[in-house]
Amino acid sequence: MKLEELRQIRERAQAEMRLRGGAVRVKIVVGMGTSGIAAGARTVISAFLDEIQKRRLTDVVVTQSGEKGFSSQEPVVEVIERDRPKILYGSVDSAGARRIVAEHIVNGTIVEDLVLAVHEAEKE
């Protein structure tokens, strides 16, 4: 899948969420720097988008960032939820992305075997 196709899928999903008036509950950030792309980040972001669409999760947004400084652990994914610790996952493949959606996003259970770091939530 080409980067432009991923961009279009993400934009459609975000536009649909805005039309529904939904608030973002979870933000998933996939590292799409050079080493992330080389390690398969394109298929990972595609798996996230597909799984979120299949489950009709309208309060989850997927975005991308540059390098996170963990090139040996790419693809790297951050899961950011309001009032919960930010979780940094590493060595995520398509199956791992689908597990993160099912276990973490839907059921609230951190996928321990993929965790690189946990950052405590900032108080507002």
PDB file of N, CA and C in Angstrom:
ATOM      1  N   MET A   1       0.852  -1.176   0.000  1.00  0.00           N
ATOM      2  CA  MET A   1       0.000   0.000   0.000  1.00  0.00           C
ATOM      3  C   MET A   1       0.895   1.235   0.000  1.00  0.00           C
ATOM      4  N   LYS A   2       0.566   2.168  -0.848  1.00  0.00           N
ATOM      5  CA  LYS A   2       1.366   3.383  -0.979  1.00  0.00           C
ATOM      6  C   LYS A   2       0.981   4.398   0.088  1.00  0.00           C
ATOM      7  N   LEU A   3       1.913   5.281   0.382  1.00  0.00           N
ATOM      8  CA  LEU A   3       1.705   6.294   1.402  1.00  0.00           C
ATOM      9  C   LEU A   3       0.496   7.165   1.082  1.00  0.00           C
ATOM     10  N   GLU A   4       0.305   7.512  -0.161  1.00  0.00           N
ATOM     11  CA  GLU A   4      -0.841   8.345  -0.545  1.00  0.00           C
ATOM     12  C   GLU A   4      -2.164   7.628  -0.267  1.00  0.00           C
ATOM     13  N   GLU A   5      -2.208   6.321  -0.496  1.00  0.00           N
ATOM     14  CA  GLU A   5      -3.425   5.565  -0.206  1.00  0.00           C
ATOM     15  C   GLU A   5      -3.721   5.577   1.290  1.00  0.00           C
ATOM     16  N   LEU A   6      -2.673   5.435   2.108  1.00  0.00           N
ATOM     17  CA  LEU A   6      -2.841   5.483   3.557  1.00  0.00           C
ATOM     18  C   LEU A   6      -3.355   6.847   3.997  1.00  0.00           C
ATOM     19  N   ARG A   7      -2.815   7.897   3.404  1.00  0.00           N
ATOM     20  CA  ARG A   7      -3.251   9.253   3.722  1.00  0.00           C
ATOM     21  C   ARG A   7      -4.740   9.423   3.415  1.00  0.00           C
ATOM     22  N   GLN A   8      -5.165   8.914   2.272  1.00  0.00           N
ATOM     23  CA  GLN A   8      -6.569   9.038   1.882  1.00  0.00           C
ATOM     24  C   GLN A   8      -7.477   8.265   2.827  1.00  0.00           C
ATOM     25  N   ILE A   9      -7.074   7.064   3.219  1.00  0.00           N
ATOM     26  CA  ILE A   9      -7.864   6.265   4.166  1.00  0.00           C
ATOM     27  C   ILE A   9      -7.999   7.006   5.490  1.00  0.00           C
ATOM     28  N   ARG A  10      -6.871   7.531   5.982  1.00  0.00           N
ATOM     29  CA  ARG A  10      -6.889   8.258   7.256  1.00  0.00           C
ATOM     30  C   ARG A  10      -7.777   9.490   7.172  1.00  0.00           C
ATOM     31  N   GLU A  11      -7.680  10.239   6.080  1.00  0.00           N
ATOM     32  CA  GLU A  11      -8.484  11.450   5.929  1.00  0.00           C
ATOM     33  C   GLU A  11      -9.973  11.124   5.866  1.00  0.00           C
ATOM     34  N   ARG A  12     -10.327  10.031   5.177  1.00  0.00           N
ATOM     35  CA  ARG A  12     -11.741   9.625   5.125  1.00  0.00           C
ATOM     36  C   ARG A  12     -12.251   9.261   6.510  1.00  0.00           C
ATOM     37  N   ALA A  13     -11.449   8.513   7.252  1.00  0.00           N
ATOM     38  CA  ALA A  13     -11.849   8.100   8.602  1.00  0.00           C
ATOM     39  C   ALA A  13     -12.008   9.310   9.518  1.00  0.00           C
ATOM     40  N   GLN A  14     -11.084  10.257   9.434  1.00  0.00           N
ATOM     41  CA  GLN A  14     -11.170  11.455  10.264  1.00  0.00           C
ATOM     42  C   GLN A  14     -12.372  12.309   9.876  1.00  0.00           C
ATOM     43  N   ALA A  15     -12.637  12.422   8.586  1.00  0.00           N
ATOM     44  CA  ALA A  15     -13.789  13.199   8.124  1.00  0.00           C
ATOM     45  C   ALA A  15     -15.094  12.564   8.597  1.00  0.00           C
ATOM     46  N   GLU A  16     -15.168  11.244   8.541  1.00  0.00           N
ATOM     47  CA  GLU A  16     -16.366  10.538   8.999  1.00  0.00           C
ATOM     48  C   GLU A  16     -16.583  10.768  10.486  1.00  0.00           C
ATOM     49  N   MET A  17     -15.492  10.748  11.257  1.00  0.00           N
ATOM     50  CA  MET A  17     -15.608  10.967  12.694  1.00  0.00           C
ATOM     51  C   MET A  17     -16.090  12.385  12.987  1.00  0.00           C
ATOM     52  N   ARG A  18     -15.579  13.372  12.241  1.00  0.00           N
ATOM     53  CA  ARG A  18     -16.025  14.753  12.445  1.00  0.00           C
ATOM     54  C   ARG A  18     -17.499  14.895  12.105  1.00  0.00           C
ATOM     55  N   LEU A  19     -17.953  14.229  11.045  1.00  0.00           N
ATOM     56  CA  LEU A  19     -19.359  14.290  10.662  1.00  0.00           C
ATOM     57  C   LEU A  19     -20.255  13.704  11.748  1.00  0.00           C
ATOM     58  N   ARG A  20     -19.782  12.685  12.393  1.00  0.00           N
ATOM     59  CA  ARG A  20     -20.552  12.067  13.466  1.00  0.00           C
ATOM     60  C   ARG A  20     -20.489  12.880  14.752  1.00  0.00           C
ATOM     61  N   GLY A  21     -19.580  13.845  14.792  1.00  0.00           N
ATOM     62  CA  GLY A  21     -19.464  14.701  15.969  1.00  0.00           C
ATOM     63  C   GLY A  21     -18.811  14.017  17.150  1.00  0.00           C
ATOM     64  N   GLY A  22     -18.112  12.944  16.911  1.00  0.00           N
ATOM     65  CA  GLY A  22     -17.499  12.187  17.998  1.00  0.00           C
ATOM     66  C   GLY A  22     -16.246  12.849  18.534  1.00  0.00           C
ATOM     67  N   ALA A  23     -16.041  12.678  19.829  1.00  0.00           N
ATOM     68  CA  ALA A  23     -14.820  13.172  20.446  1.00  0.00           C
ATOM     69  C   ALA A  23     -13.758  12.082  20.369  1.00  0.00           C
ATOM     70  N   VAL A  24     -12.514  12.494  20.282  1.00  0.00           N
ATOM     71  CA  VAL A  24     -11.418  11.537  20.210  1.00  0.00           C
ATOM     72  C   VAL A  24     -11.119  11.026  21.622  1.00  0.00           C
ATOM     73  N   ARG A  25     -11.212   9.724  21.797  1.00  0.00           N
ATOM     74  CA  ARG A  25     -10.921   9.077  23.073  1.00  0.00           C
ATOM     75  C   ARG A  25      -9.492   8.558  23.095  1.00  0.00           C
ATOM     76  N   VAL A  26      -9.038   8.064  21.931  1.00  0.00           N
ATOM     77  CA  VAL A  26      -7.717   7.466  21.828  1.00  0.00           C
ATOM     78  C   VAL A  26      -7.033   7.985  20.571  1.00  0.00           C
ATOM     79  N   LYS A  27      -5.755   8.310  20.720  1.00  0.00           N
ATOM     80  CA  LYS A  27      -4.933   8.703  19.577  1.00  0.00           C
ATOM     81  C   LYS A  27      -3.814   7.681  19.451  1.00  0.00           C
ATOM     82  N   ILE A  28      -3.704   7.094  18.255  1.00  0.00           N
ATOM     83  CA  ILE A  28      -2.642   6.129  17.963  1.00  0.00           C
ATOM     84  C   ILE A  28      -1.670   6.813  17.016  1.00  0.00           C
ATOM     85  N   VAL A  29      -0.402   6.877  17.407  1.00  0.00           N
ATOM     86  CA  VAL A  29       0.615   7.546  16.603  1.00  0.00           C
ATOM     87  C   VAL A  29       1.636   6.505  16.146  1.00  0.00           C
ATOM     88  N   VAL A  30       1.730   6.320  14.837  1.00  0.00           N
ATOM     89  CA  VAL A  30       2.662   5.341  14.264  1.00  0.00           C
ATOM     90  C   VAL A  30       3.892   6.081  13.752  1.00  0.00           C
ATOM     91  N   GLY A  31       5.076   5.660  14.178  1.00  0.00           N
ATOM     92  CA  GLY A  31       6.329   6.259  13.725  1.00  0.00           C
ATOM     93  C   GLY A  31       6.575   5.910  12.262  1.00  0.00           C
ATOM     94  N   MET A  32       6.545   6.934  11.411  1.00  0.00           N
ATOM     95  CA  MET A  32       6.700   6.723   9.968  1.00  0.00           C
ATOM     96  C   MET A  32       7.969   7.379   9.448  1.00  0.00           C
ATOM     97  N   GLY A  33       9.013   7.380  10.279  1.00  0.00           N
ATOM     98  CA  GLY A  33      10.307   7.855   9.808  1.00  0.00           C
ATOM     99  C   GLY A  33      10.929   6.807   8.898  1.00  0.00           C
ATOM    100  N   THR A  34      12.111   7.075   8.429  1.00  0.00           N
ATOM    101  CA  THR A  34      12.789   6.175   7.495  1.00  0.00           C
ATOM    102  C   THR A  34      12.926   4.759   8.037  1.00  0.00           C
ATOM    103  N   SER A  35      13.390   4.623   9.287  1.00  0.00           N
ATOM    104  CA  SER A  35      13.574   3.273   9.831  1.00  0.00           C
ATOM    105  C   SER A  35      12.241   2.602  10.117  1.00  0.00           C
ATOM    106  N   GLY A  36      11.231   3.375  10.484  1.00  0.00           N
ATOM    107  CA  GLY A  36       9.904   2.812  10.708  1.00  0.00           C
ATOM    108  C   GLY A  36       9.307   2.254   9.428  1.00  0.00           C
ATOM    109  N   ILE A  37       9.417   3.026   8.359  1.00  0.00           N
ATOM    110  CA  ILE A  37       8.903   2.578   7.063  1.00  0.00           C
ATOM    111  C   ILE A  37       9.658   1.336   6.604  1.00  0.00           C
ATOM    112  N   ALA A  38      10.975   1.347   6.771  1.00  0.00           N
ATOM    113  CA  ALA A  38      11.788   0.190   6.370  1.00  0.00           C
ATOM    114  C   ALA A  38      11.412  -1.055   7.165  1.00  0.00           C
ATOM    115  N   ALA A  39      10.955  -0.875   8.411  1.00  0.00           N
ATOM    116  CA  ALA A  39      10.594  -2.008   9.264  1.00  0.00           C
ATOM    117  C   ALA A  39       9.146  -2.451   9.087  1.00  0.00           C
ATOM    118  N   GLY A  40       8.376  -1.750   8.237  1.00  0.00           N
ATOM    119  CA  GLY A  40       7.012  -2.183   7.961  1.00  0.00           C
ATOM    120  C   GLY A  40       5.909  -1.318   8.531  1.00  0.00           C
ATOM    121  N   ALA A  41       6.205  -0.061   8.857  1.00  0.00           N
ATOM    122  CA  ALA A  41       5.197   0.820   9.456  1.00  0.00           C
ATOM    123  C   ALA A  41       3.989   1.054   8.549  1.00  0.00           C
ATOM    124  N   ARG A  42       4.187   0.989   7.243  1.00  0.00           N
ATOM    125  CA  ARG A  42       3.044   1.183   6.336  1.00  0.00           C
ATOM    126  C   ARG A  42       2.003   0.087   6.523  1.00  0.00           C
ATOM    127  N   THR A  43       2.440  -1.145   6.639  1.00  0.00           N
ATOM    128  CA  THR A  43       1.475  -2.232   6.849  1.00  0.00           C
ATOM    129  C   THR A  43       0.863  -2.156   8.246  1.00  0.00           C
ATOM    130  N   VAL A  44       1.621  -1.640   9.206  1.00  0.00           N
ATOM    131  CA  VAL A  44       1.116  -1.489  10.573  1.00  0.00           C
ATOM    132  C   VAL A  44       0.017  -0.437  10.615  1.00  0.00           C
ATOM    133  N   ILE A  45       0.245   0.713  10.008  1.00  0.00           N
ATOM    134  CA  ILE A  45      -0.781   1.764  10.023  1.00  0.00           C
ATOM    135  C   ILE A  45      -2.021   1.293   9.263  1.00  0.00           C
ATOM    136  N   SER A  46      -1.826   0.543   8.204  1.00  0.00           N
ATOM    137  CA  SER A  46      -2.944  -0.015   7.451  1.00  0.00           C
ATOM    138  C   SER A  46      -3.742  -0.997   8.313  1.00  0.00           C
ATOM    139  N   ALA A  47      -3.054  -1.834   9.095  1.00  0.00           N
ATOM    140  CA  ALA A  47      -3.728  -2.788   9.974  1.00  0.00           C
ATOM    141  C   ALA A  47      -4.533  -2.061  11.049  1.00  0.00           C
ATOM    142  N   PHE A  48      -3.966  -0.998  11.634  1.00  0.00           N
ATOM    143  CA  PHE A  48      -4.707  -0.205  12.617  1.00  0.00           C
ATOM    144  C   PHE A  48      -5.978   0.355  11.991  1.00  0.00           C
ATOM    145  N   LEU A  49      -5.842   1.000  10.842  1.00  0.00           N
ATOM    146  CA  LEU A  49      -6.995   1.606  10.188  1.00  0.00           C
ATOM    147  C   LEU A  49      -8.058   0.569   9.852  1.00  0.00           C
ATOM    148  N   ASP A  50      -7.640  -0.579   9.360  1.00  0.00           N
ATOM    149  CA  ASP A  50      -8.568  -1.648   9.003  1.00  0.00           C
ATOM    150  C   ASP A  50      -9.302  -2.181  10.239  1.00  0.00           C
ATOM    151  N   GLU A  51      -8.557  -2.451  11.296  1.00  0.00           N
ATOM    152  CA  GLU A  51      -9.166  -3.010  12.513  1.00  0.00           C
ATOM    153  C   GLU A  51     -10.118  -2.010  13.163  1.00  0.00           C
ATOM    154  N   ILE A  52      -9.748  -0.745  13.173  1.00  0.00           N
ATOM    155  CA  ILE A  52     -10.603   0.295  13.745  1.00  0.00           C
ATOM    156  C   ILE A  52     -11.888   0.422  12.935  1.00  0.00           C
ATOM    157  N   GLN A  53     -11.757   0.349  11.627  1.00  0.00           N
ATOM    158  CA  GLN A  53     -12.939   0.426  10.761  1.00  0.00           C
ATOM    159  C   GLN A  53     -13.836  -0.799  10.957  1.00  0.00           C
ATOM    160  N   LYS A  54     -13.248  -1.994  11.012  1.00  0.00           N
ATOM    161  CA  LYS A  54     -14.033  -3.219  11.213  1.00  0.00           C
ATOM    162  C   LYS A  54     -14.826  -3.172  12.510  1.00  0.00           C
ATOM    163  N   ARG A  55     -14.211  -2.607  13.542  1.00  0.00           N
ATOM    164  CA  ARG A  55     -14.856  -2.547  14.857  1.00  0.00           C
ATOM    165  C   ARG A  55     -15.729  -1.298  15.019  1.00  0.00           C
ATOM    166  N   ARG A  56     -15.745  -0.465  13.986  1.00  0.00           N
ATOM    167  CA  ARG A  56     -16.562   0.765  13.981  1.00  0.00           C
ATOM    168  C   ARG A  56     -16.258   1.662  15.189  1.00  0.00           C
ATOM    169  N   LEU A  57     -14.968   1.821  15.457  1.00  0.00           N
ATOM    170  CA  LEU A  57     -14.529   2.673  16.562  1.00  0.00           C
ATOM    171  C   LEU A  57     -14.428   4.105  16.055  1.00  0.00           C
ATOM    172  N   THR A  58     -15.403   4.912  16.378  1.00  0.00           N
ATOM    173  CA  THR A  58     -15.447   6.282  15.860  1.00  0.00           C
ATOM    174  C   THR A  58     -14.727   7.284  16.752  1.00  0.00           C
ATOM    175  N   ASP A  59     -14.248   6.843  17.919  1.00  0.00           N
ATOM    176  CA  ASP A  59     -13.573   7.753  18.838  1.00  0.00           C
ATOM    177  C   ASP A  59     -12.063   7.502  18.895  1.00  0.00           C
ATOM    178  N   VAL A  60     -11.531   6.833  17.874  1.00  0.00           N
ATOM    179  CA  VAL A  60     -10.104   6.529  17.795  1.00  0.00           C
ATOM    180  C   VAL A  60      -9.555   7.148  16.522  1.00  0.00           C
ATOM    181  N   VAL A  61      -8.454   7.875  16.649  1.00  0.00           N
ATOM    182  CA  VAL A  61      -7.812   8.480  15.487  1.00  0.00           C
ATOM    183  C   VAL A  61      -6.403   7.920  15.350  1.00  0.00           C
ATOM    184  N   VAL A  62      -5.998   7.681  14.109  1.00  0.00           N
ATOM    185  CA  VAL A  62      -4.659   7.180  13.813  1.00  0.00           C
ATOM    186  C   VAL A  62      -3.911   8.272  13.067  1.00  0.00           C
ATOM    187  N   THR A  63      -2.715   8.559  13.523  1.00  0.00           N
ATOM    188  CA  THR A  63      -1.893   9.572  12.877  1.00  0.00           C
ATOM    189  C   THR A  63      -0.464   9.044  12.793  1.00  0.00           C
ATOM    190  N   GLN A  64       0.419   9.859  12.261  1.00  0.00           N
ATOM    191  CA  GLN A  64       1.811   9.427  12.112  1.00  0.00           C
ATOM    192  C   GLN A  64       2.746  10.500  12.616  1.00  0.00           C
ATOM    193  N   SER A  65       3.982  10.073  12.905  1.00  0.00           N
ATOM    194  CA  SER A  65       5.025  10.996  13.347  1.00  0.00           C
ATOM    195  C   SER A  65       6.331  10.565  12.698  1.00  0.00           C
ATOM    196  N   GLY A  66       7.370  11.309  12.989  1.00  0.00           N
ATOM    197  CA  GLY A  66       8.695  10.958  12.505  1.00  0.00           C
ATOM    198  C   GLY A  66       9.350   9.968  13.449  1.00  0.00           C
ATOM    199  N   GLU A  67      10.664   9.929  13.413  1.00  0.00           N
ATOM    200  CA  GLU A  67      11.445   9.006  14.247  1.00  0.00           C
ATOM    201  C   GLU A  67      11.236   9.306  15.726  1.00  0.00           C
ATOM    202  N   LYS A  68      11.235   8.256  16.534  1.00  0.00           N
ATOM    203  CA  LYS A  68      11.115   8.383  17.982  1.00  0.00           C
ATOM    204  C   LYS A  68      12.437   8.091  18.687  1.00  0.00           C
ATOM    205  N   GLY A  69      13.463   7.693  17.927  1.00  0.00           N
ATOM    206  CA  GLY A  69      14.759   7.406  18.521  1.00  0.00           C
ATOM    207  C   GLY A  69      14.940   5.963  18.953  1.00  0.00           C
ATOM    208  N   PHE A  70      14.069   5.091  18.498  1.00  0.00           N
ATOM    209  CA  PHE A  70      14.149   3.672  18.849  1.00  0.00           C
ATOM    210  C   PHE A  70      14.267   2.844  17.568  1.00  0.00           C
ATOM    211  N   SER A  71      15.229   3.160  16.723  1.00  0.00           N
ATOM    212  CA  SER A  71      15.293   2.526  15.402  1.00  0.00           C
ATOM    213  C   SER A  71      15.384   1.001  15.472  1.00  0.00           C
ATOM    214  N   SER A  72      15.974   0.464  16.523  1.00  0.00           N
ATOM    215  CA  SER A  72      16.064  -0.998  16.627  1.00  0.00           C
ATOM    216  C   SER A  72      14.742  -1.626  17.059  1.00  0.00           C
ATOM    217  N   GLN A  73      13.780  -0.804  17.462  1.00  0.00           N
ATOM    218  CA  GLN A  73      12.480  -1.294  17.932  1.00  0.00           C
ATOM    219  C   GLN A  73      11.333  -0.924  16.992  1.00  0.00           C
ATOM    220  N   GLU A  74      11.655  -0.451  15.798  1.00  0.00           N
ATOM    221  CA  GLU A  74      10.623  -0.048  14.837  1.00  0.00           C
ATOM    222  C   GLU A  74       9.869  -1.263  14.320  1.00  0.00           C
ATOM    223  N   PRO A  75       8.664  -1.071  13.900  1.00  0.00           N
ATOM    224  CA  PRO A  75       7.807   0.097  13.999  1.00  0.00           C
ATOM    225  C   PRO A  75       7.402   0.386  15.459  1.00  0.00           C
ATOM    226  N   VAL A  76       7.429   1.685  15.796  1.00  0.00           N
ATOM    227  CA  VAL A  76       7.087   2.151  17.129  1.00  0.00           C
ATOM    228  C   VAL A  76       5.713   2.826  17.068  1.00  0.00           C
ATOM    229  N   VAL A  77       4.891   2.547  18.087  1.00  0.00           N
ATOM    230  CA  VAL A  77       3.523   3.064  18.140  1.00  0.00           C
ATOM    231  C   VAL A  77       3.251   3.627  19.530  1.00  0.00           C
ATOM    232  N   GLU A  78       2.676   4.836  19.578  1.00  0.00           N
ATOM    233  CA  GLU A  78       2.240   5.425  20.845  1.00  0.00           C
ATOM    234  C   GLU A  78       0.726   5.333  20.921  1.00  0.00           C
ATOM    235  N   VAL A  79       0.221   4.996  22.094  1.00  0.00           N
ATOM    236  CA  VAL A  79      -1.214   5.019  22.336  1.00  0.00           C
ATOM    237  C   VAL A  79      -1.448   6.054  23.431  1.00  0.00           C
ATOM    238  N   ILE A  80      -2.209   7.084  23.072  1.00  0.00           N
ATOM    239  CA  ILE A  80      -2.436   8.211  23.978  1.00  0.00           C
ATOM    240  C   ILE A  80      -3.926   8.282  24.304  1.00  0.00           C
ATOM    241  N   GLU A  81      -4.231   8.182  25.595  1.00  0.00           N
ATOM    242  CA  GLU A  81      -5.602   8.274  26.083  1.00  0.00           C
ATOM    243  C   GLU A  81      -5.656   9.326  27.179  1.00  0.00           C
ATOM    244  N   ARG A  82      -6.735  10.073  27.218  1.00  0.00           N
ATOM    245  CA  ARG A  82      -6.899  11.103  28.244  1.00  0.00           C
ATOM    246  C   ARG A  82      -6.912  10.469  29.632  1.00  0.00           C
ATOM    247  N   ASP A  83      -6.153  11.042  30.547  1.00  0.00           N
ATOM    248  CA  ASP A  83      -6.096  10.627  31.952  1.00  0.00           C
ATOM    249  C   ASP A  83      -5.585   9.203  32.171  1.00  0.00           C
ATOM    250  N   ARG A  84      -4.850   8.679  31.199  1.00  0.00           N
ATOM    251  CA  ARG A  84      -4.220   7.360  31.343  1.00  0.00           C
ATOM    252  C   ARG A  84      -2.769   7.484  30.918  1.00  0.00           C
ATOM    253  N   PRO A  85      -1.906   6.599  31.382  1.00  0.00           N
ATOM    254  CA  PRO A  85      -0.505   6.671  30.959  1.00  0.00           C
ATOM    255  C   PRO A  85      -0.377   6.495  29.438  1.00  0.00           C
ATOM    256  N   LYS A  86       0.584   7.222  28.857  1.00  0.00           N
ATOM    257  CA  LYS A  86       0.878   7.057  27.430  1.00  0.00           C
ATOM    258  C   LYS A  86       1.747   5.815  27.301  1.00  0.00           C
ATOM    259  N   ILE A  87       1.363   4.928  26.381  1.00  0.00           N
ATOM    260  CA  ILE A  87       2.083   3.676  26.194  1.00  0.00           C
ATOM    261  C   ILE A  87       2.848   3.734  24.877  1.00  0.00           C
ATOM    262  N   LEU A  88       4.123   3.377  24.927  1.00  0.00           N
ATOM    263  CA  LEU A  88       4.957   3.298  23.731  1.00  0.00           C
ATOM    264  C   LEU A  88       5.218   1.823  23.457  1.00  0.00           C
ATOM    265  N   TYR A  89       4.726   1.359  22.310  1.00  0.00           N
ATOM    266  CA  TYR A  89       4.909  -0.029  21.894  1.00  0.00           C
ATOM    267  C   TYR A  89       6.014  -0.104  20.854  1.00  0.00           C
ATOM    268  N   GLY A  90       6.753  -1.204  20.836  1.00  0.00           N
ATOM    269  CA  GLY A  90       7.820  -1.387  19.866  1.00  0.00           C
ATOM    270  C   GLY A  90       7.750  -2.725  19.159  1.00  0.00           C
ATOM    271  N   SER A  91       8.428  -2.781  18.010  1.00  0.00           N
ATOM    272  CA  SER A  91       8.450  -3.981  17.168  1.00  0.00           C
ATOM    273  C   SER A  91       7.039  -4.451  16.839  1.00  0.00           C
ATOM    274  N   VAL A  92       6.189  -3.489  16.498  1.00  0.00           N
ATOM    275  CA  VAL A  92       4.785  -3.784  16.196  1.00  0.00           C
ATOM    276  C   VAL A  92       4.666  -4.202  14.741  1.00  0.00           C
ATOM    277  N   ASP A  93       4.040  -5.350  14.518  1.00  0.00           N
ATOM    278  CA  ASP A  93       3.726  -5.780  13.153  1.00  0.00           C
ATOM    279  C   ASP A  93       2.207  -5.700  12.982  1.00  0.00           C
ATOM    280  N   SER A  94       1.694  -6.174  11.861  1.00  0.00           N
ATOM    281  CA  SER A  94       0.249  -6.094  11.607  1.00  0.00           C
ATOM    282  C   SER A  94      -0.552  -6.829  12.675  1.00  0.00           C
ATOM    283  N   ALA A  95      -0.101  -8.022  13.045  1.00  0.00           N
ATOM    284  CA  ALA A  95      -0.799  -8.791  14.083  1.00  0.00           C
ATOM    285  C   ALA A  95      -0.759  -8.052  15.419  1.00  0.00           C
ATOM    286  N   GLY A  96       0.378  -7.427  15.719  1.00  0.00           N
ATOM    287  CA  GLY A  96       0.504  -6.644  16.949  1.00  0.00           C
ATOM    288  C   GLY A  96      -0.431  -5.448  16.948  1.00  0.00           C
ATOM    289  N   ALA A  97      -0.572  -4.795  15.811  1.00  0.00           N
ATOM    290  CA  ALA A  97      -1.484  -3.656  15.691  1.00  0.00           C
ATOM    291  C   ALA A  97      -2.916  -4.099  15.988  1.00  0.00           C
ATOM    292  N   ARG A  98      -3.303  -5.229  15.436  1.00  0.00           N
ATOM    293  CA  ARG A  98      -4.659  -5.743  15.667  1.00  0.00           C
ATOM    294  C   ARG A  98      -4.854  -6.134  17.142  1.00  0.00           C
ATOM    295  N   ARG A  99      -3.807  -6.679  17.764  1.00  0.00           N
ATOM    296  CA  ARG A  99      -3.868  -6.999  19.198  1.00  0.00           C
ATOM    297  C   ARG A  99      -4.010  -5.736  20.039  1.00  0.00           C
ATOM    298  N   ILE A 100      -3.274  -4.692  19.670  1.00  0.00           N
ATOM    299  CA  ILE A 100      -3.351  -3.430  20.417  1.00  0.00           C
ATOM    300  C   ILE A 100      -4.772  -2.880  20.361  1.00  0.00           C
ATOM    301  N   VAL A 101      -5.396  -2.945  19.201  1.00  0.00           N
ATOM    302  CA  VAL A 101      -6.782  -2.472  19.091  1.00  0.00           C
ATOM    303  C   VAL A 101      -7.691  -3.333  19.966  1.00  0.00           C
ATOM    304  N   ALA A 102      -7.608  -4.646  19.819  1.00  0.00           N
ATOM    305  CA  ALA A 102      -8.504  -5.547  20.548  1.00  0.00           C
ATOM    306  C   ALA A 102      -8.276  -5.499  22.056  1.00  0.00           C
ATOM    307  N   GLU A 103      -7.022  -5.612  22.474  1.00  0.00           N
ATOM    308  CA  GLU A 103      -6.723  -5.727  23.894  1.00  0.00           C
ATOM    309  C   GLU A 103      -6.648  -4.380  24.606  1.00  0.00           C
ATOM    310  N   HIS A 104      -5.918  -3.428  24.027  1.00  0.00           N
ATOM    311  CA  HIS A 104      -5.708  -2.144  24.700  1.00  0.00           C
ATOM    312  C   HIS A 104      -6.864  -1.175  24.447  1.00  0.00           C
ATOM    313  N   ILE A 105      -7.161  -0.919  23.176  1.00  0.00           N
ATOM    314  CA  ILE A 105      -8.160   0.097  22.849  1.00  0.00           C
ATOM    315  C   ILE A 105      -9.563  -0.344  23.249  1.00  0.00           C
ATOM    316  N   VAL A 106      -9.931  -1.584  22.950  1.00  0.00           N
ATOM    317  CA  VAL A 106     -11.288  -2.056  23.237  1.00  0.00           C
ATOM    318  C   VAL A 106     -11.432  -2.522  24.686  1.00  0.00           C
ATOM    319  N   ASN A 107     -10.484  -3.326  25.175  1.00  0.00           N
ATOM    320  CA  ASN A 107     -10.632  -3.932  26.498  1.00  0.00           C
ATOM    321  C   ASN A 107      -9.852  -3.249  27.620  1.00  0.00           C
ATOM    322  N   GLY A 108      -8.993  -2.272  27.292  1.00  0.00           N
ATOM    323  CA  GLY A 108      -8.273  -1.529  28.322  1.00  0.00           C
ATOM    324  C   GLY A 108      -7.093  -2.247  28.947  1.00  0.00           C
ATOM    325  N   THR A 109      -6.620  -3.325  28.311  1.00  0.00           N
ATOM    326  CA  THR A 109      -5.496  -4.098  28.839  1.00  0.00           C
ATOM    327  C   THR A 109      -4.249  -3.837  28.001  1.00  0.00           C
ATOM    328  N   ILE A 110      -3.195  -3.373  28.639  1.00  0.00           N
ATOM    329  CA  ILE A 110      -1.945  -3.082  27.943  1.00  0.00           C
ATOM    330  C   ILE A 110      -1.343  -4.389  27.412  1.00  0.00           C
ATOM    331  N   VAL A 111      -0.826  -4.352  26.195  1.00  0.00           N
ATOM    332  CA  VAL A 111      -0.196  -5.516  25.571  1.00  0.00           C
ATOM    333  C   VAL A 111       1.260  -5.547  26.045  1.00  0.00           C
ATOM    334  N   GLU A 112       1.472  -6.172  27.192  1.00  0.00           N
ATOM    335  CA  GLU A 112       2.748  -6.120  27.911  1.00  0.00           C
ATOM    336  C   GLU A 112       3.960  -6.534  27.082  1.00  0.00           C
ATOM    337  N   ASP A 113       3.834  -7.566  26.255  1.00  0.00           N
ATOM    338  CA  ASP A 113       5.001  -8.072  25.534  1.00  0.00           C
ATOM    339  C   ASP A 113       5.481  -7.134  24.425  1.00  0.00           C
ATOM    340  N   LEU A 114       4.731  -6.095  24.115  1.00  0.00           N
ATOM    341  CA  LEU A 114       5.150  -5.117  23.097  1.00  0.00           C
ATOM    342  C   LEU A 114       5.549  -3.760  23.692  1.00  0.00           C
ATOM    343  N   VAL A 115       5.420  -3.585  25.008  1.00  0.00           N
ATOM    344  CA  VAL A 115       5.662  -2.293  25.653  1.00  0.00           C
ATOM    345  C   VAL A 115       7.149  -1.953  25.698  1.00  0.00           C
ATOM    346  N   LEU A 116       7.463  -0.729  25.243  1.00  0.00           N
ATOM    347  CA  LEU A 116       8.818  -0.175  25.382  1.00  0.00           C
ATOM    348  C   LEU A 116       8.899   0.758  26.581  1.00  0.00           C
ATOM    349  N   ALA A 117       7.856   1.568  26.774  1.00  0.00           N
ATOM    350  CA  ALA A 117       7.859   2.546  27.858  1.00  0.00           C
ATOM    351  C   ALA A 117       6.433   2.933  28.223  1.00  0.00           C
ATOM    352  N   VAL A 118       6.272   3.369  29.475  1.00  0.00           N
ATOM    353  CA  VAL A 118       5.002   3.879  29.972  1.00  0.00           C
ATOM    354  C   VAL A 118       5.293   5.255  30.546  1.00  0.00           C
ATOM    355  N   HIS A 119       4.539   6.247  30.074  1.00  0.00           N
ATOM    356  CA  HIS A 119       4.684   7.633  30.566  1.00  0.00           C
ATOM    357  C   HIS A 119       3.415   7.996  31.294  1.00  0.00           C
ATOM    358  N   GLU A 120       3.545   8.386  32.559  1.00  0.00           N
ATOM    359  CA  GLU A 120       2.375   8.724  33.353  1.00  0.00           C
ATOM    360  C   GLU A 120       1.588   9.856  32.709  1.00  0.00           C
ATOM    361  N   ALA A 121       0.278   9.813  32.873  1.00  0.00           N
ATOM    362  CA  ALA A 121      -0.612  10.826  32.312  1.00  0.00           C
ATOM    363  C   ALA A 121      -0.365  12.151  32.999  1.00  0.00           C
ATOM    364  N   GLU A 122      -0.429  13.224  32.224  1.00  0.00           N
ATOM    365  CA  GLU A 122      -0.293  14.572  32.777  1.00  0.00           C
ATOM    366  C   GLU A 122      -1.637  15.006  33.326  1.00  0.00           C
ATOM    367  N   LYS A 123      -1.612  15.615  34.490  1.00  0.00           N
ATOM    368  CA  LYS A 123      -2.848  16.116  35.110  1.00  0.00           C
ATOM    369  C   LYS A 123      -3.185  17.466  34.512  1.00  0.00           C
ATOM    370  N   GLU A 124      -4.470  17.655  34.207  1.00  0.00           N
ATOM    371  CA  GLU A 124      -4.900  18.933  33.603  1.00  0.00           C
ATOM    372  C   GLU A 124      -5.271  19.916  34.681  1.00  0.00           C
TER     373      GLU A 124
END
